[in-house]
Structure formats: structure tokens, C-alpha cells
Amino acid sequence: MPTLKTTLNTLDIILLVEKLKPFLIGSYVTKIHNTDFGVLIVIKTREEKIEIVINHSGWLFMTKYEIEKKEPDQFIKELRKNLEGKKIINVSVPFFDRYIVIEFEKGFKLIIEMMHGGNIILTNNDVIITALKIKKEKNRNIVKNEKYIRPEIFSFNPLKEDLSSYYDKIINSKANIVATLVRFFGIPAEIAEEACLVSNINKETLGKEISLEQVKLLDKKIKELCTAYLQNNKSYIILSKNNEYISVTKLELNIHKNYDKKIFDEFNEAVEEYFIYLKKKEKEKEKMKEKEKKLFIINDLNKKILEIKNQIEIINSFINLFKDNILEIDNILTNSHKIIEEKKWDRLKDFLYSSWPKNLGSIENIDLKNKKIIINYQNILIELNLFLNSTKNLEILYNIIKENKNKIIKIEEKIKEVEKEVKKEEIKKEVKEKLKKSWYESYLWFYTSNDVLVVSGRDASQNESLIKRKASENDIILHADIHGSPFTVIKANENKPISENDIFEAAQFTASYSSAWKEGFGNIDVYWVNKNQVSKKSPSGTYLSKGSFMIYGNKNYIRNVPLCLAVVVEDNTVKVIPQVTAEKKYKEYILLIPGNFSKEYIIEKIINILIRNKKRINKKLIKEELIKNLPKGGFSIFKLHNFS
């Protein structure tokens, strides 16, 4: 089985930083938090807020999770003090190593060293302000107000240099060839292993046994693999035979060919899911250790109860025999008392050993100092006071039983407490982090009857960000043939090709949210184009306002698209979707068309219809959703389908 990937490799870091660059450069830091995942940095871009997780052990990604915040430590406080409100001017991976530099205005740099256990260091004009130090290093000190000294970096770049130039270094290695490539040249382990596999070189071959020709072949394969890794459009999480995550990668490698894979369009998404999975597993292991510890405590306490119960049973047995022999014991105690007063110690010992009843155990010891005799009865030591009569000694034995029973009660209470803790841990959610709303949920959106995602801009700013940042090469773009229409994107999905039905459903959505609704139109034309036909470049001498784009080439028109929206309730939440989608997907819906009733009036009517039909709804939440998601203008109820 491939080795579990516990940290990102250099190629991963390069890819993620390139993905983040357009978001980060020119943006501002608004907040920095301490979390169990690492440092969480909130960035304000022109269009939106994004959150970046930086984990010193080797992870970096944009997150869609509502991550639980911890109390800021001194390191986070220093980051907040120096970086919040600062503009990011650059982010880079300056060497072929897991080493990232985020540059801010006024000479500030956040340096993330993901090698050697990992450090995060804040500098100003190359002087250290603060640092999250994980590992002490012999060759340098990371000290406040000292000049920052870079750690040892891999000088080799497989994309630009040849391994054969370092042949002497390879043949001097005592490790196998994969370990040599990883340790001395920073080649990602899976790339090194794959290069060996496709070159028919045993990965266990020692560096000193490798030939120059083999090194040249490895160099060629490593360059090909690194290039393909950086250029591949898909990303993968590799699954073990029992569906455990074992790697996140940009390539379908031969070393993974016998394993199932999860496919992702975005590498950041794959990395985030993989990292969250690793964190869940870490928590599960911690919880399992804690549970095992608590179960051990419960087991130990139960053993103690059994021991005490056994002791009580033996003492009770002794008491019964004691009572059967009470006259004889009284005589022994009385005579012993007299002998002690005469201080005839040897005679006392002889008397006790010779006169003690055999069925009441054997004498273990005679404590002359405390005037006690210790009896070994069924391996339990029982003390009798030689200065007390049999009745008083029985009282003491009964008190011992009572004390032991009280001990059992206290131990049983402790067991219940620990069992309660175990049960509480078992019913807790595994991960406290809540999934944030998906990116498209800040826009107008719905899923077609074929489960294809359709997203529309609410205003000019959202039109701008939707087309420039969210639309992909294979997506389809729609616009109503009227001034004042949202741009709508049908998101392409390789598993579900965009059909004519999807386009028509998206067209009705676009038409209904255009200014045609406010104008009271019954229908309007809508056209669709490919992403490459939409451009911000305007003809010479003209200017495009925010949210406006030029359309080049032929437009595909859908004529006379009816304006009609459906209100549906699903999982106690309300959705506003096109009429045609509702008719194909839902049994119950309320159809709305442009009309003369105000939005407030029609919302109250909808809520009353839902309540009358015994729908379990949160009235306040439904009202908020409808205010936000119904178009501008007047309304009329066109049809109640399966509603009274």
C-alpha cells in the first residue's frame, strides 16, 4: 500500500500558491485566528471574504468550513497587531521547497517554513518580530529582534536542472534511491517512486548501486511527471482497500492504479477534504485513547468492588464462626488481658497459639504494642483487640463491613461518572467545524431537474465576480434580452452533460430575475453563449460598467421564455426555483407570476398557505428567505399545486 501522505509536497505547495495568488495580491487581512487546524487568516478581496488555513506542518488551503476559534496566544496577538489591515503585495514559493513567503506593505513578511517540523515567522525588513517555533535548529536562532536567517533549502529544481550533474552525490548515499531523491533533492516521494516504477528501477536499489544511465532515465521521468503534475486539470484523493484516505495528488499514478479514487475539479477542494479527514482521524485516535483509558479505569474500579465484596463475604464468614465460638473467644480474650497485665509476653504467645480455634484461621502476628492479635482467615487479615471483649470486637468487625459497603457505593458512583463521560464522548459530533455555505449560496442559485448547478448574479458586483472568478471554460452563460438582467452560469459537470432541458430551466430563472418581472412582462427572449464568448474587452473608445460584458460571436436564442417562479418547501426550508424545474422535481409547489400584489403581501399569503397545509416551518426564516430571493416587482399567485 502507498505510504500515507501526512504533508503536502513541494509541487502541491506551488500549485496552491498559484491558485491563491489572484485572490491574495491586492487584498487585505481583516482577522487572524488561532485554531486546531492552524493559523486562520481572513482575507478581504474586492468581491468577497476568503479564509486561508496555514498549518506549519505542511498544509495550506482556502477553507469552506466554519472552523472553531481558540483563544489567541501571544503569537496570534502579534500577528493581529502587525498584519490586520495590511495589504498583501505578493505571495511566492521562491525555491523548490516547502517554503512560502507572503509579502505585505510596509516591509512585513510572513514566512512559512514547512520543512524540519515547520515554523511560521513574521519579519519586518527582515528582522524577526515573532515566530511560531516548532523545532530548535543547531545552525540558527529564531529570536525576536534578530535578523532572519533562512533555513537550509533544497538547491535542486527538477524542472530546471539535471540529476546527472549530481551523480557523485547520489552514489555517495547509503539510502535507497527513492529516499535519496527525497532527502537530498526534495523530489516528492510519490514522484520519485513513480519514476522508478516507470523506469523499471527497483525503488530499493541503493544510491551507490545506481548507474549514470539510470539516473539520466530517472531525471527524464521526474521532469515529465513534475510537468504533468503541475498541468493536470483534475485532482484525486486515493482510497485504500477499506476506503481510508491515503493520499491527495494531481496525477493518476501507476503506484495508485489498484486503488479507488475520488475525483475533484479543484485541487484546493481535494486538499481541504483530505486535511479535514486527517484531522478527524487524529481526533478519533485521541478519543479512542481517552476512551481506552477510561474503560481501563472502569475495569480497575470493578475489580476493586469484587475485591471488597470478597473481603466482606470472608469477614461475614469469620463473624458467623466467631459467634459460634463466642464463649471460647471470650475466655481467650480475658486470659490474654490478664497475661498482658502481668507482662508475661512469652506465656502470652504460647497461650494464644495453643488456644486459638483452628476453624477461625491462623494467628499471623501478635502486636504487643497495640495489644492486638492479627488473624489470617482465608487470606484476609483480621484484627482483634485483646483488651476488648468479644461483643466489642464484633462491633468493630461490623463497622469494617459497613465501611467497605460505603466504599463500594463511592466506587460505583465513580464508575457511573466515568461511564457518563464515555457515553458523552460517543454521542458528541466527531468534528465541531461546521461546513460553511457553498460559494454559490451568496448568489441566486438552484439545481436543475437533472441536478446541474445554475448560478445567477444578484446585482452588478455579483455579475462581475460570477463571470470573472466563478465561470469555467466549459460553462454556459445566459442573459435575458433586456437591460437589467442577471448573468447566469450553468456549471459544467463531466458526470452530467448540460442538456437542452437544463438550458431552458436556467433561461426561465434568468428571465424571471430580469427587469422584465418588474415591468410586468409575461415572457421574454433569453440567449446563451459559451464562456469564451464573454469578455470585459470593449470596442475602442467605449467603456463597460461594473457587471457588464461584451458578447462576441453568435447568440443562441430561446424565444418567449415565460416568467414564472415556484416556491417549494424542502427539509423545512424554502426555495425559489423555475416553474419547469418544480414541475419535474416536486409534488407540491406555489407558482408566482408578475402581478399587482406587493412582495410583503404575497409572502404573507405564501406563509398562510404553508401553515394551512400543516407544513412545519420557521415563519421568521421563511420570510427572510423569500424577501431575499424573490425578484423585484409585483406578484400574483398563478397556481397552487397540491396545496389547498
Foldseek 3Di string as FASTA:
>chain_A
DDFFDDADALLLLQLQQVVCWVFAAFWAWAAWFQAPQAIWTWIDGPQGIWIWHDDFQHDIFIAQWQGDTDDDDPQRVQCCVPGHGWGWHGWDDPASGSWIWTATPQQWIWIWHNPPRIKTFIDRVQFTQDMDDDDDDDPDDRDHRHGDDDDDDQRADLQPDACLVVLVVQLVFQFFNLCSCCVRHRQPSVLQVLLCVVLVHPRRHGSNRDDSVSSRSSSVSSNVVSVCQSPAQKKKFWADPVRQTRDIGSDDGPVRVVTDIDIDRDSSVSSVVNSVSVVLVVLVVVLVVVLVVLVVLLVVLVVVLVVLVVVLVQLVVLLVVCVVCQVLQQVLLVVLVVCVVVVPVVVSVVSCQVRPDVQNAHFPDQDSVQQWTWGQGVNDTQIDHSNDGSVVSSVVSVVSSVVSVVVNVVSVVVSVVSVVVSVVVVPDDSHPIGRHDPPQVVFAWDAFLLRWIKTWHLDLSRLQCCLPPPADQAWKWKAFPDPFWIIMIGHADPVGGQDPRNVLQNQLVRFQQGCCLQVQDQFGKMWMDGSVQWALDDPPPDHDDRNDTGGDDDTHIDGGRGHKWKWDADPQEIHIGGPVRCVSHHQWIWMKGRDDAALVVVLVVVVVQCVVVVHDHDSVRRSVVSVVHHHDHHIDTDDTGPTD
